[in-house]
Protein backbone atom coordinates (compact mmCIF):
# COMPACT_ATOMS: atom_id res chain seq x y z
CA MET A 1 44.04 53.19 115.24
CA THR A 2 41.95 54.05 112.20
CA PRO A 3 43.89 55.99 109.57
CA THR A 4 42.09 59.00 108.16
CA CYS A 5 42.74 60.96 105.03
CA THR A 6 44.15 64.44 105.50
CA ARG A 7 42.95 65.84 102.17
CA GLY A 8 39.42 67.18 102.49
CA GLY A 9 39.06 65.91 106.06
CA GLY A 10 37.36 62.69 104.89
CA ASP A 11 37.96 59.01 105.43
CA VAL A 12 36.51 55.68 104.43
CA GLU A 13 33.19 56.53 106.09
CA ALA A 14 32.87 59.66 103.94
CA PHE A 15 34.14 57.90 100.78
CA PRO A 16 33.16 54.20 101.06
CA THR A 17 33.48 53.31 97.36
CA LEU A 18 35.65 53.86 94.34
CA THR A 19 34.33 53.80 90.77
CA PHE A 20 35.68 53.14 87.29
CA LYS A 21 33.81 54.36 84.20
CA SER A 22 35.15 53.09 80.91
CA ARG A 23 35.48 55.49 77.97
CA ARG A 24 37.12 53.46 75.22
CA VAL A 25 38.85 50.22 74.30
CA GLN A 26 42.08 50.17 72.30
CA ALA A 27 43.21 46.98 70.56
CA ILE A 28 46.84 46.05 71.20
CA SER A 29 47.37 42.62 69.64
CA GLY A 30 45.69 39.24 69.66
CA ASP A 31 43.86 38.85 72.96
CA ALA A 32 45.38 41.97 74.54
CA PHE A 33 43.81 45.42 74.68
CA GLN A 34 43.67 48.53 76.84
CA LEU A 35 40.59 49.78 78.62
CA VAL A 36 40.72 53.54 79.20
CA GLY A 37 38.45 55.18 81.72
CA ASP A 38 38.03 57.40 84.74
CA LEU A 39 38.91 56.06 88.18
CA THR A 40 37.38 57.99 91.07
CA ILE A 41 38.78 57.58 94.57
CA LYS A 42 37.46 59.91 97.24
CA ASP A 43 36.47 63.03 95.32
CA VAL A 44 39.29 62.79 92.75
CA SER A 45 38.85 61.42 89.22
CA LYS A 46 41.79 60.56 86.97
CA GLU A 47 42.08 58.81 83.64
CA VAL A 48 43.71 55.39 83.99
CA VAL A 49 44.61 52.71 81.48
CA LEU A 50 43.95 49.07 82.33
CA ASP A 51 46.04 46.50 80.45
CA VAL A 52 43.52 43.75 79.70
CA GLU A 53 43.97 40.22 78.41
CA PHE A 54 41.19 37.93 77.21
CA GLU A 55 41.64 34.60 79.01
CA GLY A 56 39.02 32.60 77.09
CA ALA A 57 35.33 31.80 76.77
CA GLN A 58 33.44 28.72 77.89
CA GLU A 59 29.91 27.47 78.19
CA ASP A 60 29.10 26.41 81.75
CA PRO A 61 27.11 23.25 82.62
CA TRP A 62 23.84 25.23 82.52
CA GLY A 63 24.39 26.55 78.98
CA ASN A 64 25.54 30.06 79.98
CA GLN A 65 28.33 31.58 77.87
CA LYS A 66 31.07 33.08 80.06
CA SER A 67 34.24 34.99 79.19
CA ALA A 68 37.23 35.65 81.46
CA PHE A 69 39.59 38.63 81.50
CA THR A 70 42.50 39.87 83.61
CA ALA A 71 43.32 43.55 83.96
CA THR A 72 46.17 45.43 85.64
CA THR A 73 47.29 48.99 86.18
CA LYS A 74 49.39 51.06 88.58
CA ILE A 75 48.37 54.35 90.18
CA SER A 76 49.87 56.93 92.50
CA ARG A 77 48.15 57.20 95.90
CA ALA A 78 49.09 60.87 96.11
CA ALA A 79 47.41 61.65 92.78
CA PHE A 80 44.10 60.64 94.37
CA GLY A 81 44.67 62.55 97.61
CA LEU A 82 45.56 59.44 99.62
CA THR A 83 48.28 60.97 101.72
CA TRP A 84 48.06 59.21 105.09
CA ASN A 85 51.33 57.60 106.06
CA ALA A 86 53.53 56.87 109.05
CA ALA A 87 57.28 57.19 109.41
CA LEU A 88 59.16 54.00 110.30
CA GLU A 89 61.82 53.93 113.01
CA THR A 90 64.22 52.38 110.50
CA GLY A 91 63.61 55.18 108.00
CA GLY A 92 61.19 55.42 105.13
CA VAL A 93 57.42 55.29 105.38
CA LEU A 94 54.84 52.60 106.09
CA VAL A 95 52.86 52.90 102.83
CA GLY A 96 54.41 53.41 99.39
CA ASP A 97 52.95 55.75 96.79
CA ASP A 98 52.62 53.21 93.94
CA ILE A 99 49.54 50.99 94.10
CA LYS A 100 49.16 48.00 91.76
CA ILE A 101 45.59 47.11 90.84
CA SER A 102 44.88 43.62 89.55
CA LEU A 103 41.45 42.36 88.47
CA GLU A 104 40.13 38.97 87.44
CA VAL A 105 36.75 39.41 85.75
CA GLN A 106 34.21 36.89 84.50
CA LEU A 107 31.41 38.11 82.25
CA LEU A 108 28.12 36.35 81.57
CA LYS A 109 26.49 36.80 78.17
CA THR A 110 22.82 37.74 78.42
CA ALA A 111 20.11 37.60 75.79
């Protein structure tokens, strides 16, 4: 069974990607900051805040400068029109509303 989205009649074939467009960076302390931007899932865009931590920088064996970051946030599925669910025989539903997003990012410095 392939779950489909009820809002707008679409599904993963109609909305194959999600996007994040950053708007600003806010310093928190030390190596921690917040990245604020617009997350678009399906046809819904919402402002989200990613809690980001700088994990360090290193030169690789080929002389490239790389930096590592981790980022996390939590969103509501319903806020983005992701409403598909299934009732469980034991009560409750199959999929919760809160979604945790966790990223590990490595950036390469270019000339």
